[in-house]
Protein backbone atom coordinates (compact mmCIF):
# COMPACT_ATOMS: atom_id res chain seq x y z
CA MET A 1 -29.43 -35.33 -34.97
CA THR A 2 -26.48 -37.37 -33.82
CA ILE A 3 -22.98 -36.15 -33.08
CA ASP A 4 -20.08 -38.49 -33.53
CA ALA A 5 -17.38 -38.80 -30.87
CA THR A 6 -14.74 -36.69 -32.65
CA ALA A 7 -17.14 -33.80 -33.20
CA ALA A 8 -18.22 -33.94 -29.56
CA ALA A 9 -14.61 -34.00 -28.40
CA GLU A 10 -13.78 -31.06 -30.66
CA MET A 11 -16.76 -29.07 -29.34
CA LEU A 12 -15.72 -29.81 -25.75
CA ALA A 13 -12.11 -28.82 -26.43
CA SER A 14 -13.25 -25.62 -28.14
CA HIS A 15 -15.48 -24.79 -25.19
CA LYS A 16 -12.58 -25.39 -22.76
CA ARG A 17 -10.23 -23.22 -24.82
CA GLU A 18 -12.80 -20.41 -24.83
CA ARG A 19 -13.27 -20.65 -21.06
CA LEU A 20 -9.51 -20.64 -20.48
CA ARG A 21 -9.12 -17.62 -22.73
CA TRP A 22 -11.70 -15.61 -20.77
CA LYS A 23 -10.36 -16.90 -17.45
CA SER A 24 -6.84 -15.79 -18.34
CA PHE A 25 -8.20 -12.40 -19.48
CA TYR A 26 -9.98 -11.76 -16.20
CA SER A 27 -7.04 -12.90 -14.10
CA SER A 28 -4.43 -11.04 -16.14
CA ASP A 29 -2.34 -8.22 -14.71
CA ALA A 30 -3.99 -5.69 -17.00
CA MET A 31 -7.45 -6.54 -15.74
CA ILE A 32 -6.30 -6.40 -12.13
CA SER A 33 -4.67 -3.01 -12.76
CA LEU A 34 -7.81 -1.69 -14.44
CA LEU A 35 -9.97 -2.91 -11.59
CA GLY A 36 -7.63 -1.31 -9.05
CA PHE A 37 -7.73 2.00 -10.93
CA VAL A 38 -11.53 1.96 -11.10
CA LEU A 39 -11.78 1.19 -7.37
CA LEU A 40 -9.30 3.94 -6.50
CA ALA A 41 -11.08 6.54 -8.64
CA GLY A 42 -14.48 5.50 -7.27
CA THR A 43 -13.28 5.69 -3.68
CA TRP A 44 -11.69 9.08 -4.35
CA GLU A 45 -14.88 10.41 -5.96
CA ALA A 46 -17.03 9.10 -3.09
CA ALA A 47 -14.71 10.53 -0.43
CA VAL A 48 -14.74 13.98 -2.04
CA TYR A 49 -18.54 13.88 -2.30
CA LEU A 50 -19.26 12.43 1.16
CA PHE A 51 -16.79 14.55 3.12
CA LYS A 52 -17.56 17.69 1.06
CA ILE A 53 -13.88 18.39 0.38
CA PRO A 54 -13.41 21.72 -1.45
CA ASP A 55 -12.16 21.55 -5.03
CA PHE A 56 -9.09 23.67 -4.31
CA ILE A 57 -7.92 21.10 -1.73
CA LEU A 58 -8.79 17.85 -3.53
CA PRO A 59 -10.81 17.92 -6.73
CA ALA A 60 -12.88 14.91 -7.69
CA PRO A 61 -11.66 12.73 -10.58
CA SER A 62 -14.69 13.75 -12.62
CA ALA A 63 -13.77 17.44 -12.19
CA ILE A 64 -10.22 16.69 -13.30
CA VAL A 65 -11.40 14.85 -16.40
CA MET A 66 -13.79 17.68 -17.29
CA SER A 67 -11.03 20.26 -16.85
CA LEU A 68 -8.63 18.26 -19.04
CA TYR A 69 -11.28 17.86 -21.71
CA SER A 70 -12.17 21.57 -21.76
CA GLY A 71 -8.48 22.53 -21.87
CA LEU A 72 -7.80 20.22 -24.80
CA VAL A 73 -10.88 21.28 -26.74
CA SER A 74 -10.22 25.00 -26.26
CA GLY A 75 -6.58 24.66 -27.33
CA VAL A 76 -5.17 26.19 -24.15
CA PHE A 77 -3.08 23.13 -23.37
CA ILE A 78 -1.68 22.91 -26.88
CA TYR A 79 -0.69 26.59 -26.88
CA ASN A 80 0.94 26.32 -23.45
CA PHE A 81 2.72 23.12 -24.48
CA LEU A 82 4.20 24.86 -27.52
CA VAL A 83 5.32 27.87 -25.45
CA THR A 84 6.94 25.58 -22.87
CA ALA A 85 8.65 23.49 -25.56
CA PHE A 86 10.01 26.63 -27.25
CA GLN A 87 11.33 28.03 -23.97
CA THR A 88 12.92 24.70 -23.10
CA LEU A 89 14.69 24.42 -26.45
CA VAL A 90 15.91 28.03 -26.36
CA GLY A 91 17.22 27.54 -22.83
CA PHE A 92 18.96 24.35 -23.84
CA PHE A 93 20.69 25.94 -26.82
CA VAL A 94 21.73 29.02 -24.85
CA ALA A 95 23.18 26.83 -22.10
CA ALA A 96 24.89 24.53 -24.62
CA SER A 97 26.49 27.40 -26.51
CA ALA A 98 27.55 29.17 -23.29
CA SER A 99 29.07 26.00 -21.86
CA SER A 100 30.81 25.20 -25.15
CA THR A 101 32.30 28.68 -25.28
CA HIS A 102 33.35 28.53 -21.66
CA GLY A 103 34.77 25.02 -21.99
CA SER A 104 36.72 25.77 -25.12
CA SER A 105 38.16 28.96 -23.63
CA ARG A 106 39.57 26.91 -20.76
CA CYS A 107 41.17 24.33 -23.05
CA ARG A 108 44.93 24.94 -23.39
CA ARG A 109 45.15 23.42 -26.85
CA PHE A 110 42.41 25.76 -28.06
CA GLN A 111 44.11 28.75 -26.45
CA LYS A 112 47.43 27.90 -28.10
CA SER A 113 45.78 27.57 -31.49
CA LEU A 114 44.33 31.04 -31.12
CA TRP A 115 47.66 32.53 -29.98
CA LEU A 116 49.52 31.12 -32.95
CA ARG A 117 47.37 33.02 -35.40
């Protein structure tokens, strides 16, 4: 089987493009960030295991992931999120209405409009 010059050149160019694509992927900022995160988490996990650090001082990343997973599956986090969101919104509206009332009572134009009635 013979390959003509244009087909060979196209195959070589395709191979170079593929290599450049993978090279740019591995040297991209995202890959470097991912590698840094994996190294940090691995070092953290190893330090907790090797130095026998208690969980209440510094939990291992695996313990944190397991706790997050169990909290999401059980619905505890969702319930607590909804309670916190409700309390935040109520507090915001109470503060907004109190400040609006206080601000409008200190406005002379508003006071005069009430006195004229």
